[in-house]
Protein backbone atom coordinates (compact mmCIF):
# COMPACT_ATOMS: atom_id res chain seq x y z
CA UNK A 1 0.10 -12.43 -4.61
CA UNK A 2 0.27 -9.74 -7.26
CA UNK A 3 -2.46 -7.62 -8.84
CA UNK A 4 -2.31 -6.17 -12.33
CA UNK A 5 -4.07 -2.87 -13.08
CA UNK A 6 -4.67 -3.16 -16.85
CA UNK A 7 -4.03 -0.25 -19.24
CA UNK A 8 -7.02 1.77 -20.44
CA UNK A 9 -7.05 1.67 -24.23
CA UNK A 10 -10.07 3.94 -24.80
CA UNK A 11 -8.46 7.13 -23.49
CA UNK A 12 -4.77 7.27 -24.45
CA UNK A 13 -3.91 10.77 -23.12
CA UNK A 14 -5.58 10.45 -19.76
CA UNK A 15 -4.38 6.86 -19.47
CA UNK A 16 -0.85 8.09 -19.91
CA UNK A 17 -1.31 10.71 -17.17
CA UNK A 18 -2.68 7.98 -14.86
CA UNK A 19 0.25 5.71 -15.63
CA UNK A 20 2.80 8.40 -14.96
CA UNK A 21 1.07 9.50 -11.72
CA UNK A 22 0.80 5.94 -10.40
CA UNK A 23 4.49 5.19 -11.04
CA UNK A 24 5.82 8.51 -9.84
CA UNK A 25 3.83 8.73 -6.60
CA UNK A 26 4.63 5.12 -5.85
CA UNK A 27 8.38 5.71 -6.16
CA UNK A 28 8.33 9.00 -4.28
CA UNK A 29 6.02 7.71 -1.52
CA UNK A 30 8.19 4.64 -0.96
CA UNK A 31 11.39 6.70 -0.85
CA UNK A 32 9.78 8.98 1.74
CA UNK A 33 8.53 5.99 3.81
CA UNK A 34 4.80 6.48 3.26
CA UNK A 35 2.33 3.57 3.13
CA UNK A 36 1.81 3.39 -0.67
CA UNK A 37 2.30 0.28 -2.76
CA UNK A 38 5.36 -0.26 -4.86
CA UNK A 39 4.18 -0.22 -8.46
CA UNK A 40 6.02 -1.60 -11.41
CA UNK A 41 5.35 -1.39 -15.17
CA UNK A 42 4.82 -4.42 -17.44
CA UNK A 43 3.39 -4.85 -20.95
CA UNK A 44 0.03 -5.71 -19.47
CA UNK A 45 -0.25 -2.80 -17.04
CA UNK A 46 0.84 -1.80 -13.54
CA UNK A 47 1.70 -4.59 -11.15
CA UNK A 48 1.53 -4.25 -7.37
CA UNK A 49 0.85 -6.37 -4.31
CA UNK A 50 -2.72 -7.58 -3.92
CA UNK A 51 -4.37 -6.16 -0.76
CA UNK A 52 -7.22 -8.41 0.39
CA UNK A 53 -8.87 -6.22 3.02
CA UNK A 54 -10.88 -3.03 2.95
CA UNK A 55 -10.22 -0.78 5.96
CA UNK A 56 -13.48 -0.37 7.76
CA UNK A 57 -12.34 1.43 10.93
CA UNK A 58 -9.12 2.73 12.53
CA UNK A 59 -9.02 -0.38 14.67
CA UNK A 60 -8.60 -2.51 11.52
CA UNK A 61 -5.05 -1.34 10.92
CA UNK A 62 -1.80 -1.38 12.82
CA UNK A 63 -0.10 1.61 11.22
CA UNK A 64 -2.69 4.39 11.73
CA UNK A 65 0.03 6.83 12.88
CA UNK A 66 1.97 6.25 9.61
CA UNK A 67 -1.20 6.75 7.53
CA UNK A 68 -1.87 10.06 9.37
CA UNK A 69 1.66 11.19 8.58
CA UNK A 70 1.06 10.50 4.90
CA UNK A 71 -1.83 13.02 4.62
CA UNK A 72 0.34 16.04 3.88
CA UNK A 73 2.05 13.95 1.18
CA UNK A 74 -1.31 13.04 -0.33
CA UNK A 75 -2.24 16.73 -0.48
CA UNK A 76 1.13 17.71 -1.87
CA UNK A 77 0.82 15.24 -4.82
CA UNK A 78 -2.75 16.54 -5.38
CA UNK A 79 -4.43 13.16 -4.76
CA UNK A 80 -7.96 14.32 -5.45
CA UNK A 81 -9.20 10.74 -5.29
CA UNK A 82 -8.36 9.89 -1.69
CA UNK A 83 -11.55 8.20 -0.42
CA UNK A 84 -12.85 5.31 1.67
CA UNK A 85 -12.36 2.69 -0.99
CA UNK A 86 -8.70 3.67 -1.41
CA UNK A 87 -7.53 2.52 2.00
CA UNK A 88 -6.71 -1.18 1.92
CA UNK A 89 -4.80 -3.53 4.22
CA UNK A 90 -2.56 -6.56 3.79
CA UNK A 91 -2.80 -9.85 5.69
CA UNK A 92 -0.83 -8.33 8.57
CA UNK A 93 -3.31 -5.45 8.89
CA UNK A 94 -0.97 -2.79 7.61
CA UNK A 95 -2.90 -0.07 5.83
CA UNK A 96 -1.98 1.43 2.48
CA UNK A 97 -3.29 4.37 0.46
CA UNK A 98 -3.88 3.07 -3.09
CA UNK A 99 -4.79 4.44 -6.53
CA UNK A 100 -2.76 7.57 -7.28
CA UNK A 101 -3.85 7.79 -10.90
CA UNK A 102 -5.64 11.10 -10.32
CA UNK A 103 -2.64 12.70 -8.61
CA UNK A 104 -0.13 15.30 -9.73
CA UNK A 105 -1.82 16.78 -12.76
CA UNK A 106 -5.35 16.93 -11.43
CA UNK A 107 -6.51 16.25 -14.92
CA UNK A 108 -10.14 15.77 -13.82
CA UNK A 109 -11.10 18.97 -12.05
CA UNK A 110 -14.79 18.43 -12.87
CA UNK A 111 -14.59 14.99 -11.22
CA UNK A 112 -13.41 16.68 -8.07
CA UNK A 113 -16.25 19.24 -8.16
CA UNK A 114 -18.75 16.38 -8.61
CA UNK A 115 -17.27 14.57 -5.61
CA UNK A 116 -17.60 17.69 -3.42
CA UNK A 117 -21.17 18.48 -4.46
CA UNK A 118 -22.75 15.01 -4.77
CA UNK A 119 -21.08 12.77 -2.18
CA UNK A 120 -20.58 12.90 1.56
CA UNK A 121 -17.20 14.00 2.72
CA UNK A 122 -14.89 10.98 2.97
CA UNK A 123 -11.40 12.50 2.55
CA UNK A 124 -9.37 11.57 5.58
CA UNK A 125 -12.46 10.07 7.10
CA UNK A 126 -10.75 8.05 9.77
CA UNK A 127 -7.37 9.71 9.88
CA UNK A 128 -8.47 12.97 11.38
CA UNK A 129 -8.11 13.09 15.18
CA UNK A 130 -11.17 15.23 15.89
CA UNK A 131 -13.98 13.90 13.78
CA UNK A 132 -14.82 10.75 11.99
CA UNK A 133 -16.04 12.29 8.71
CA UNK A 134 -16.86 8.84 7.31
CA UNK A 135 -19.92 8.11 9.52
């Protein structure tokens, strides 16, 4: 089943940045073998596979090692929005990092500051070997 992420009409400039980031990171991540969805462009928006499951714990997914290997890639593309809600799984329990709209250009630096100050640390919450930062 496919999911369509509709275009944002209210904010043309930032919407264009998000579109570019989603497409580029999807292509690059797939070429490099990382667990990101393949995204394609249509007139309605971005189309990708629908992922039905939220990842609750490391035991929920089969490809934890692959997700851990993707962390340097996520930092390299400046994915400032990697958080708990952006790890999803397919029917076979393969985990994917989703939503790369805030990557590459880091066009929302104040958003990042807000995340650091006002929310508990969730980046890499279950992928770090020493500490479960999510708890």
